[in-house]
Amino acid sequence: MSSAQAAAITARLDRLPASAYVWRLVVLLSLGGLFEIYDLFLTPYVMPGLIRSQIFQEGQNGLFGLPDQASFLSCTFAGLFLGTIVFASVADKFGRRVIFTYALLWYALATGIMAAQDSRGGILLWRFIAGVGIGVELVTIDTYISELVPKSIRGRAFAINQAIQFVAVPLATFLSWQLVPIDPLGIAGWRWVVAVPVLGALFVWWIRREVPESPRWLAQHGRPDEADRVTAKIEARVAAETKAALPAPQPGVVESGGAGYSEIWKSPYRRRTIMLSVFNFFQVIGFYGFGSWVQQLLTAQGTSVVKGLEYGVAIALVFPLGPLLCSLFADRLERKWQICCAAFGTAVFGLLFSTQSGAFSLILLGILITTSNNLLSYAYHAYQAELFPTRVRARAVGFVYSFSRISTAFNSYMIAFFLLHFGSTGVFSFIAFAMAMVILVIGVFGPRTNNRALEEISQAA
């Protein structure tokens, strides 16, 4: 397909109004990621079950004299690192739809096998393997959504995407609260909790049938007839739902350049690659530093394990609600400043959290930290997908995103160290420093993206 034809496809997609069909595509893709988010956030809630089954050890008896939870998280994010930096590029080569499908199946199978393990080594190995599938899937979903939705609702689309995916957090918390302390049918409760994402495999073929391949990807890979056919079907569905003629397409921006890894080191992408790599290394300290250690942080503030699970349920309920709140202004406020405000909130509310001991204040500040992290998460997922061209979007996002994964693999031990030696105050001081770095790098070096065509953003200097 010629550059002019590709630009025409882009213009046809970006002129579409919001409609039920467009939102249906966002919902279906988000459901594919719900199980991955479930898995990422179940760590602090199943840990008591793994200790009760005597697979993991309590206290400082793990690797490096730190809790086994640090090793569990490190294996998870080491797998995510491999998935994002090595395998995410396959979505640029083989298409968004096929990789979305098989990454989810990979993850579901590996997680099911992990649920049947009886040794620490077996748990950690299959956790690592599952992490590879999760890493590929989350990058593919971000790429997929950014390319399917029109530019006018891209921010809201990512906010709704996060709201749906984050339903997994209260689900994981509630199931852990109910199942981890008991052994239904003689099977340890943590195994039931871990096995839930395997249900994702039952939905994958249904989702796959409903969601088309990205027309932008087809246009970039010399498949003009398919790109035109998929775009025409989307246009027909939208026109039928809105019962109005579609707006005339505006002249599209023509992309040019190579499709290899070297492309992300050429102007203007080199600066963006460095910026987002540094950003991802630090942002994840705030996001998972709280989300993956919330039970231990509550305990450090004098809360019992049982009460901590109850408080955790209350805090987790905010996860799907926060992005819905963000959707009200997602396309009205510039994305980079949303990221900066979110990082500031995480830092301030976290430091306040470390000074509290009462139930109400701990839950309230936990909710405020979670809401700030929600804003950070939705905004940066949209932002980093917007900054690179279609031809290298998945591999570029995978590369910069991988720095958050390798950061967590190491910082899991850092969080454990600070918590052990300096309590929650030490942890949140560490998080506040990381959030300051986020504000600096995005505030100073981040370009503007709101309501601009992907191709316009990718070609801007």
Protein backbone atom coordinates (compact mmCIF):
# COMPACT_ATOMS: atom_id res chain seq x y z
CA MET A 1 0.00 0.00 0.00
CA SER A 2 1.30 3.45 -0.87
CA SER A 3 1.92 6.14 1.72
CA ALA A 4 -1.04 8.09 0.32
CA GLN A 5 -3.34 5.08 0.76
CA ALA A 6 -2.12 4.56 4.32
CA ALA A 7 -2.76 8.23 5.08
CA ALA A 8 -6.27 7.85 3.70
CA ILE A 9 -6.98 4.93 6.04
CA THR A 10 -5.73 7.02 8.98
CA ALA A 11 -7.95 9.96 7.99
CA ARG A 12 -11.01 7.71 7.69
CA LEU A 13 -10.47 6.26 11.17
CA ASP A 14 -9.76 9.58 12.88
CA ARG A 15 -12.91 11.29 11.54
CA LEU A 16 -15.19 8.68 13.16
CA PRO A 17 -17.49 9.93 15.94
CA ALA A 18 -17.74 8.05 19.21
CA SER A 19 -20.23 5.20 18.86
CA ALA A 20 -21.34 2.03 20.60
CA TYR A 21 -19.32 -0.10 18.18
CA VAL A 22 -16.07 1.75 18.84
CA TRP A 23 -16.62 1.43 22.59
CA ARG A 24 -17.46 -2.24 22.15
CA LEU A 25 -14.02 -2.82 20.61
CA VAL A 26 -12.39 -1.02 23.55
CA VAL A 27 -14.36 -3.16 26.03
CA LEU A 28 -13.47 -6.45 24.33
CA LEU A 29 -9.76 -5.63 24.19
CA SER A 30 -9.89 -4.53 27.81
CA LEU A 31 -11.47 -7.82 28.88
CA GLY A 32 -8.48 -9.56 27.32
CA GLY A 33 -6.21 -7.63 29.68
CA LEU A 34 -8.38 -8.02 32.79
CA PHE A 35 -6.87 -11.40 33.64
CA GLU A 36 -3.32 -10.09 33.33
CA ILE A 37 -4.07 -7.23 35.72
CA TYR A 38 -5.69 -9.72 38.09
CA ASP A 39 -2.48 -11.71 38.11
CA LEU A 40 -0.21 -8.71 38.63
CA PHE A 41 -2.13 -7.53 41.69
CA LEU A 42 -2.84 -10.82 43.44
CA THR A 43 0.70 -11.05 44.87
CA PRO A 44 0.18 -9.43 48.29
CA TYR A 45 -3.12 -11.23 48.83
CA VAL A 46 -2.05 -14.83 48.07
CA MET A 47 1.24 -14.52 49.92
CA PRO A 48 -0.29 -15.54 53.29
CA GLY A 49 -1.65 -18.67 51.58
CA LEU A 50 1.72 -19.61 50.13
CA ILE A 51 3.22 -19.20 53.59
CA ARG A 52 0.40 -21.21 55.19
CA SER A 53 1.08 -24.03 52.70
CA GLN A 54 4.76 -23.84 53.76
CA ILE A 55 5.89 -23.27 50.17
CA PHE A 56 7.16 -19.79 51.03
CA GLN A 57 8.75 -18.76 54.30
CA GLU A 58 7.59 -15.99 56.58
CA GLY A 59 9.79 -13.06 57.48
CA GLN A 60 13.41 -12.68 56.37
CA ASN A 61 14.03 -16.27 55.29
CA GLY A 62 13.94 -15.74 51.54
CA LEU A 63 16.66 -14.90 49.03
CA PHE A 64 19.20 -12.31 50.28
CA GLY A 65 17.65 -12.54 53.75
CA LEU A 66 14.49 -10.78 52.46
CA PRO A 67 10.85 -11.98 52.30
CA ASP A 68 9.92 -14.55 49.63
CA GLN A 69 7.43 -12.01 48.27
CA ALA A 70 10.38 -10.05 46.86
CA SER A 71 11.51 -13.11 44.86
CA PHE A 72 7.95 -13.77 43.67
CA LEU A 73 7.65 -10.19 42.40
CA SER A 74 11.12 -10.25 40.87
CA CYS A 75 10.36 -13.40 38.87
CA THR A 76 7.07 -11.88 37.72
CA PHE A 77 8.70 -8.72 36.46
CA ALA A 78 11.74 -10.49 35.04
CA GLY A 79 9.26 -12.39 32.85
CA LEU A 80 7.48 -9.15 32.00
CA PHE A 81 10.84 -7.62 31.07
CA LEU A 82 11.62 -10.47 28.68
CA GLY A 83 8.13 -10.33 27.20
CA THR A 84 8.19 -6.59 26.60
CA ILE A 85 11.73 -6.11 25.33
CA VAL A 86 12.22 -9.33 23.32
CA PHE A 87 8.78 -10.51 22.20
CA ALA A 88 6.64 -7.35 22.01
CA SER A 89 8.00 -6.66 18.52
CA VAL A 90 6.19 -9.75 17.18
CA ALA A 91 2.98 -7.67 17.20
CA ASP A 92 4.62 -5.36 14.65
CA LYS A 93 5.56 -8.33 12.48
CA PHE A 94 2.53 -10.65 12.74
CA GLY A 95 -0.26 -8.22 13.61
CA ARG A 96 -2.07 -7.03 16.72
CA ARG A 97 -4.92 -9.54 16.56
CA VAL A 98 -2.96 -12.79 16.40
CA ILE A 99 -0.50 -11.80 19.14
CA PHE A 100 -3.33 -10.56 21.37
CA THR A 101 -4.83 -14.04 21.06
CA TYR A 102 -1.80 -16.25 21.59
CA ALA A 103 -0.20 -14.17 24.34
CA LEU A 104 -3.37 -14.58 26.39
CA LEU A 105 -3.39 -18.35 25.82
CA TRP A 106 0.30 -18.59 26.79
CA TYR A 107 -0.32 -16.69 29.99
CA ALA A 108 -3.42 -18.71 30.94
CA LEU A 109 -1.63 -22.05 30.44
CA ALA A 110 1.45 -21.03 32.43
CA THR A 111 -0.67 -19.66 35.27
CA GLY A 112 -2.70 -22.87 35.43
CA ILE A 113 0.50 -24.91 35.72
CA MET A 114 1.81 -22.56 38.42
CA ALA A 115 -1.33 -23.13 40.49
CA ALA A 116 -0.46 -26.85 40.65
CA GLN A 117 3.12 -26.42 41.91
CA ASP A 118 4.25 -27.55 45.37
CA SER A 119 7.76 -26.11 45.54
CA ARG A 120 9.15 -22.60 45.73
CA GLY A 121 11.28 -23.25 42.64
CA GLY A 122 8.27 -24.48 40.64
CA ILE A 123 6.16 -21.48 41.64
CA LEU A 124 8.89 -19.02 40.70
CA LEU A 125 9.70 -20.73 37.37
CA TRP A 126 6.12 -20.77 36.11
CA ARG A 127 5.54 -17.29 37.46
CA PHE A 128 8.42 -16.14 35.27
CA ILE A 129 7.02 -17.97 32.20
CA ALA A 130 3.54 -16.50 32.77
CA GLY A 131 5.14 -13.06 33.07
CA VAL A 132 6.52 -13.33 29.53
CA GLY A 133 2.98 -13.77 28.16
CA ILE A 134 1.64 -10.92 30.27
CA GLY A 135 4.38 -8.61 29.03
CA VAL A 136 3.54 -9.27 25.39
CA GLU A 137 -0.21 -8.97 25.97
CA LEU A 138 -0.25 -5.63 27.75
CA VAL A 139 1.97 -3.96 25.13
CA THR A 140 -0.20 -5.38 22.34
CA ILE A 141 -3.42 -4.10 23.93
CA ASP A 142 -2.04 -0.57 24.30
CA THR A 143 -0.92 -0.60 20.67
CA TYR A 144 -4.20 -2.07 19.47
CA ILE A 145 -6.46 0.46 21.20
CA SER A 146 -4.41 3.49 20.16
CA GLU A 147 -4.70 2.43 16.50
CA LEU A 148 -8.42 1.53 16.44
CA VAL A 149 -10.05 4.50 18.15
CA PRO A 150 -10.39 8.01 16.64
CA LYS A 151 -8.07 10.69 17.98
CA SER A 152 -10.88 12.66 19.66
CA ILE A 153 -11.57 9.92 22.22
CA ARG A 154 -8.15 8.28 22.58
CA GLY A 155 -7.72 9.51 26.15
CA ARG A 156 -11.18 8.35 27.21
CA ALA A 157 -10.62 5.01 25.50
CA PHE A 158 -7.55 4.34 27.63
CA ALA A 159 -9.38 5.49 30.77
CA ILE A 160 -12.25 3.06 30.08
CA ASN A 161 -9.70 0.36 29.21
CA GLN A 162 -8.04 0.80 32.59
CA ALA A 163 -11.38 0.91 34.44
CA ILE A 164 -12.38 -2.46 32.97
CA GLN A 165 -8.98 -4.04 33.54
CA PHE A 166 -8.82 -2.77 37.12
CA VAL A 167 -12.05 -4.57 38.01
CA ALA A 168 -9.58 -7.42 38.44
CA VAL A 169 -8.04 -5.81 41.53
CA PRO A 170 -11.08 -5.88 43.84
CA LEU A 171 -11.92 -9.29 42.39
CA ALA A 172 -8.47 -10.66 43.32
CA THR A 173 -8.67 -8.98 46.72
CA PHE A 174 -12.16 -10.28 47.52
CA LEU A 175 -11.42 -13.85 46.39
CA SER A 176 -8.20 -13.86 48.39
CA TRP A 177 -10.01 -12.55 51.47
CA GLN A 178 -12.58 -15.33 51.17
CA LEU A 179 -10.46 -18.25 49.94
CA VAL A 180 -6.86 -17.89 51.11
CA PRO A 181 -7.58 -18.72 54.78
CA ILE A 182 -9.46 -21.94 53.89
CA ASP A 183 -9.09 -25.11 51.75
CA PRO A 184 -12.21 -25.57 49.56
CA LEU A 185 -12.60 -29.24 48.56
CA GLY A 186 -9.31 -29.95 50.32
CA ILE A 187 -7.37 -27.71 47.92
CA ALA A 188 -5.43 -24.76 49.32
CA GLY A 189 -7.35 -21.53 48.84
CA TRP A 190 -4.44 -19.71 47.19
CA ARG A 191 -4.53 -22.27 44.35
CA TRP A 192 -8.17 -21.40 43.61
CA VAL A 193 -7.32 -17.70 43.55
CA VAL A 194 -4.33 -18.19 41.22
CA ALA A 195 -6.29 -20.47 38.86
CA VAL A 196 -9.06 -17.93 38.15
CA PRO A 197 -7.22 -16.24 35.22
CA VAL A 198 -7.20 -19.55 33.37
CA LEU A 199 -10.83 -18.72 32.60
CA GLY A 200 -9.41 -16.08 30.27
CA ALA A 201 -8.69 -18.82 27.77
CA LEU A 202 -12.42 -19.52 27.51
CA PHE A 203 -13.09 -15.98 26.30
CA VAL A 204 -10.17 -15.55 23.95
CA TRP A 205 -11.68 -17.04 20.79
CA TRP A 206 -14.93 -15.16 21.27
CA ILE A 207 -13.04 -11.88 21.66
CA ARG A 208 -10.84 -12.74 18.68
CA ARG A 209 -13.88 -13.23 16.43
CA GLU A 210 -15.31 -9.85 17.39
CA VAL A 211 -12.23 -7.63 17.11
CA PRO A 212 -10.77 -6.81 13.66
CA GLU A 213 -7.11 -6.42 12.83
CA SER A 214 -5.76 -2.88 13.06
CA PRO A 215 -6.35 -1.19 9.67
CA ARG A 216 -3.31 0.98 10.35
CA TRP A 217 -1.15 -2.13 10.73
CA LEU A 218 -2.61 -3.69 7.57
CA ALA A 219 -1.97 -0.45 5.67
CA GLN A 220 1.66 -0.45 6.78
CA HIS A 221 2.19 -4.08 5.74
CA GLY A 222 1.15 -3.99 2.10
CA ARG A 223 -2.38 -5.38 2.55
CA PRO A 224 -4.50 -2.60 0.99
CA ASP A 225 -7.61 -4.64 0.26
CA GLU A 226 -7.87 -5.90 3.85
CA ALA A 227 -7.18 -2.46 5.31
CA ASP A 228 -9.89 -0.93 3.15
CA ARG A 229 -12.35 -3.75 3.88
CA VAL A 230 -11.86 -3.58 7.68
CA THR A 231 -12.12 0.23 7.68
CA ALA A 232 -15.28 0.11 5.55
CA LYS A 233 -16.91 -2.34 7.99
CA ILE A 234 -16.07 -0.10 10.94
CA GLU A 235 -17.44 2.93 9.07
CA ALA A 236 -20.65 1.07 8.19
CA ARG A 237 -21.26 0.02 11.80
CA VAL A 238 -20.63 3.52 13.12
CA ALA A 239 -22.82 5.17 10.46
CA ALA A 240 -25.67 2.74 11.18
CA GLU A 241 -25.50 3.45 14.93
CA THR A 242 -25.21 7.22 14.66
CA LYS A 243 -27.83 7.37 11.87
CA ALA A 244 -25.92 10.18 10.20
CA ALA A 245 -23.46 10.67 7.40
CA LEU A 246 -19.86 10.45 8.55
CA PRO A 247 -17.76 13.63 8.48
CA ALA A 248 -15.48 14.03 5.49
CA PRO A 249 -11.94 12.75 6.15
CA GLN A 250 -9.35 15.45 6.69
CA PRO A 251 -6.02 15.17 4.82
CA GLY A 252 -3.90 12.59 6.61
CA VAL A 253 -0.24 12.82 7.59
CA VAL A 254 2.06 10.49 5.67
CA GLU A 255 4.46 8.38 7.75
CA SER A 256 7.89 7.55 6.44
CA GLY A 257 10.87 5.64 7.79
CA GLY A 258 12.14 2.17 8.61
CA ALA A 259 10.59 -0.53 10.79
CA GLY A 260 13.55 -1.89 12.76
CA TYR A 261 14.78 -1.18 16.28
CA SER A 262 17.25 1.33 14.87
CA GLU A 263 14.27 3.56 13.97
CA ILE A 264 13.53 4.37 17.62
CA TRP A 265 17.07 5.79 17.94
CA LYS A 266 16.59 8.26 15.09
CA SER A 267 15.20 11.79 15.41
CA PRO A 268 12.59 12.56 16.71
CA TYR A 269 12.18 9.19 18.41
CA ARG A 270 15.57 8.98 20.13
CA ARG A 271 14.67 11.70 22.62
CA ARG A 272 11.27 10.10 23.27
CA THR A 273 12.82 6.66 23.72
CA ILE A 274 15.29 7.94 26.33
CA MET A 275 12.61 10.03 28.07
CA LEU A 276 10.13 7.16 28.34
CA SER A 277 12.79 4.65 29.39
CA VAL A 278 13.79 6.86 32.32
CA PHE A 279 10.13 7.59 33.09
CA ASN A 280 9.17 3.91 33.15
CA PHE A 281 12.10 3.01 35.39
CA PHE A 282 10.81 5.40 38.06
CA GLN A 283 7.02 5.41 37.61
CA VAL A 284 6.67 1.74 38.47
CA ILE A 285 8.24 2.28 41.90
CA GLY A 286 5.22 4.33 42.90
CA PHE A 287 2.61 2.21 41.16
CA TYR A 288 3.66 -1.28 42.25
CA GLY A 289 5.52 -0.07 45.33
CA PHE A 290 2.10 0.50 46.87
CA GLY A 291 -0.13 -1.86 44.90
CA SER A 292 2.04 -4.97 45.38
CA TRP A 293 2.98 -4.27 49.00
CA VAL A 294 -0.25 -2.79 50.37
CA GLN A 295 -0.82 -5.62 52.87
CA GLN A 296 2.69 -5.40 54.25
CA LEU A 297 2.52 -1.59 54.42
CA LEU A 298 -0.75 -1.80 56.35
CA THR A 299 0.82 -4.31 58.72
CA ALA A 300 3.78 -1.98 59.23
CA GLN A 301 1.27 0.64 60.38
CA GLY A 302 0.02 -1.69 63.11
CA THR A 303 -2.80 -3.45 61.24
CA SER A 304 -3.39 -7.20 61.71
CA VAL A 305 -3.27 -9.53 58.70
CA VAL A 306 -7.05 -10.10 58.78
CA LYS A 307 -7.81 -6.40 59.16
CA GLY A 308 -5.25 -5.66 56.45
CA LEU A 309 -7.17 -7.87 54.02
CA GLU A 310 -10.40 -6.07 54.92
CA TYR A 311 -8.77 -2.65 54.44
CA GLY A 312 -7.25 -3.93 51.21
CA VAL A 313 -10.70 -4.80 49.87
CA ALA A 314 -11.91 -1.24 50.61
CA ILE A 315 -8.87 0.30 48.90
CA ALA A 316 -9.06 -2.10 45.94
CA LEU A 317 -12.66 -1.11 45.17
CA VAL A 318 -11.31 2.25 43.96
CA PHE A 319 -9.20 0.68 41.19
CA PRO A 320 -11.97 0.49 38.56
CA LEU A 321 -13.62 3.72 39.76
CA GLY A 322 -10.52 5.91 39.47
CA PRO A 323 -10.14 5.57 35.69
CA LEU A 324 -13.88 6.27 35.24
CA LEU A 325 -13.32 9.55 37.06
CA CYS A 326 -10.33 10.22 34.81
CA SER A 327 -12.47 9.66 31.71
CA LEU A 328 -14.33 12.91 32.50
CA PHE A 329 -11.26 14.99 31.63
CA ALA A 330 -9.09 12.50 29.73
CA ASP A 331 -9.24 14.39 26.42
CA ARG A 332 -9.58 17.88 27.90
CA LEU A 333 -6.31 18.16 29.82
CA GLU A 334 -2.92 17.64 28.18
CA ARG A 335 -1.71 14.10 28.86
CA LYS A 336 1.78 15.00 30.07
CA TRP A 337 0.41 17.27 32.81
CA GLN A 338 -2.00 14.58 33.95
CA ILE A 339 1.00 12.31 34.46
CA CYS A 340 2.84 14.98 36.47
CA CYS A 341 -0.16 15.71 38.70
CA ALA A 342 -0.66 12.00 39.35
CA ALA A 343 2.98 11.52 40.38
CA PHE A 344 2.73 14.50 42.75
CA GLY A 345 -0.40 13.01 44.36
CA THR A 346 1.21 9.59 44.84
CA ALA A 347 4.23 11.17 46.54
CA VAL A 348 2.27 13.46 48.90
CA PHE A 349 -0.46 10.99 49.88
CA GLY A 350 2.13 8.24 50.36
CA LEU A 351 4.19 10.30 52.79
CA LEU A 352 1.01 11.14 54.72
CA PHE A 353 0.03 7.43 54.75
CA SER A 354 3.30 6.57 56.52
CA THR A 355 2.36 8.81 59.47
CA GLN A 356 -1.09 7.28 60.12
CA SER A 357 -2.35 4.37 62.23
CA GLY A 358 -6.13 4.79 62.37
CA ALA A 359 -8.40 2.70 60.15
CA PHE A 360 -10.21 5.64 58.55
CA SER A 361 -7.06 7.60 57.70
CA LEU A 362 -5.25 4.52 56.35
CA ILE A 363 -8.15 3.59 54.10
CA LEU A 364 -8.72 7.18 52.96
CA LEU A 365 -5.07 7.78 52.10
CA GLY A 366 -4.84 4.34 50.51
CA ILE A 367 -7.77 5.34 48.29
CA LEU A 368 -6.10 8.66 47.39
CA ILE A 369 -2.81 6.91 46.54
CA THR A 370 -4.70 4.39 44.42
CA THR A 371 -6.63 7.16 42.60
CA SER A 372 -3.37 8.98 41.86
CA ASN A 373 -1.86 5.75 40.56
CA ASN A 374 -4.97 5.18 38.43
CA LEU A 375 -4.49 8.56 36.79
CA LEU A 376 -0.79 7.87 36.27
CA SER A 377 -1.45 4.44 34.77
CA TYR A 378 -4.18 5.34 32.30
CA ALA A 379 -2.36 8.52 31.18
CA TYR A 380 1.04 6.99 30.54
CA HIS A 381 -0.38 3.91 28.79
CA ALA A 382 -2.06 6.25 26.33
CA TYR A 383 0.92 8.61 26.17
CA GLN A 384 3.68 6.16 25.32
CA ALA A 385 1.58 4.47 22.62
CA GLU A 386 0.97 7.87 21.00
CA LEU A 387 4.63 8.87 20.66
CA PHE A 388 5.79 6.29 18.08
CA PRO A 389 4.72 5.46 14.49
CA THR A 390 2.56 2.46 13.61
CA ARG A 391 5.41 0.60 11.90
CA VAL A 392 7.40 0.31 15.18
CA ARG A 393 4.77 1.10 17.80
CA ALA A 394 4.70 -2.31 19.53
CA ARG A 395 8.47 -2.77 19.62
CA ALA A 396 9.03 0.84 20.75
CA VAL A 397 6.43 0.61 23.52
CA GLY A 398 7.82 -2.79 24.47
CA PHE A 399 11.34 -1.40 24.70
CA VAL A 400 10.54 1.62 26.88
CA TYR A 401 8.00 -0.33 28.94
CA SER A 402 10.62 -2.99 29.66
CA PHE A 403 12.46 -0.52 31.88
CA SER A 404 9.52 -0.57 34.28
CA ARG A 405 9.74 -4.36 34.38
CA ILE A 406 13.46 -4.59 35.06
CA SER A 407 13.08 -1.76 37.58
CA THR A 408 10.45 -3.72 39.53
CA ALA A 409 12.53 -6.89 39.41
CA PHE A 410 15.26 -5.02 41.34
CA ASN A 411 13.10 -2.59 43.29
CA SER A 412 11.06 -5.42 44.81
CA TYR A 413 14.14 -6.09 46.89
CA MET A 414 14.63 -2.36 47.52
CA ILE A 415 11.05 -2.00 48.82
CA ALA A 416 11.55 -5.06 51.02
CA PHE A 417 14.83 -3.59 52.34
CA PHE A 418 13.33 -0.19 53.13
CA LEU A 419 10.25 -1.75 54.74
CA LEU A 420 12.38 -4.06 56.87
CA HIS A 421 14.82 -1.42 58.08
CA PHE A 422 12.92 1.90 57.89
CA GLY A 423 9.25 0.92 57.92
CA SER A 424 6.60 2.45 55.70
CA THR A 425 8.20 5.91 56.05
CA GLY A 426 11.32 4.61 54.31
CA VAL A 427 9.23 3.00 51.56
CA PHE A 428 7.22 6.14 50.83
CA SER A 429 10.30 8.37 50.93
CA PHE A 430 11.77 6.10 48.25
CA ILE A 431 8.51 6.36 46.27
CA ALA A 432 8.43 10.17 46.63
CA PHE A 433 11.93 10.41 45.15
CA ALA A 434 10.84 8.25 42.19
CA MET A 435 7.75 10.41 41.60
CA ALA A 436 9.91 13.56 41.61
CA MET A 437 11.95 12.03 38.80
CA VAL A 438 8.74 11.28 36.87
CA ILE A 439 7.61 14.91 37.14
CA LEU A 440 11.02 16.15 36.02
CA VAL A 441 11.44 13.94 32.95
CA ILE A 442 7.85 14.22 31.63
CA GLY A 443 7.36 17.87 32.55
CA VAL A 444 10.56 19.00 30.85
CA PHE A 445 10.91 16.64 27.89
CA GLY A 446 7.41 15.31 27.13
CA PRO A 447 5.69 16.50 23.90
CA ARG A 448 2.01 17.44 23.57
CA THR A 449 -0.34 14.71 22.27
CA ASN A 450 -3.99 15.47 23.07
CA ASN A 451 -6.43 15.35 20.14
CA ARG A 452 -3.67 14.95 17.56
CA ALA A 453 -3.52 12.19 14.94
CA LEU A 454 -1.03 9.43 15.76
CA GLU A 455 0.78 10.11 12.51
CA GLU A 456 0.99 13.83 13.26
CA ILE A 457 2.51 13.13 16.67
CA SER A 458 4.95 10.57 15.30
CA GLN A 459 6.27 12.94 12.62
CA ALA A 460 6.54 16.01 14.89
CA ALA A 461 10.07 17.06 15.80
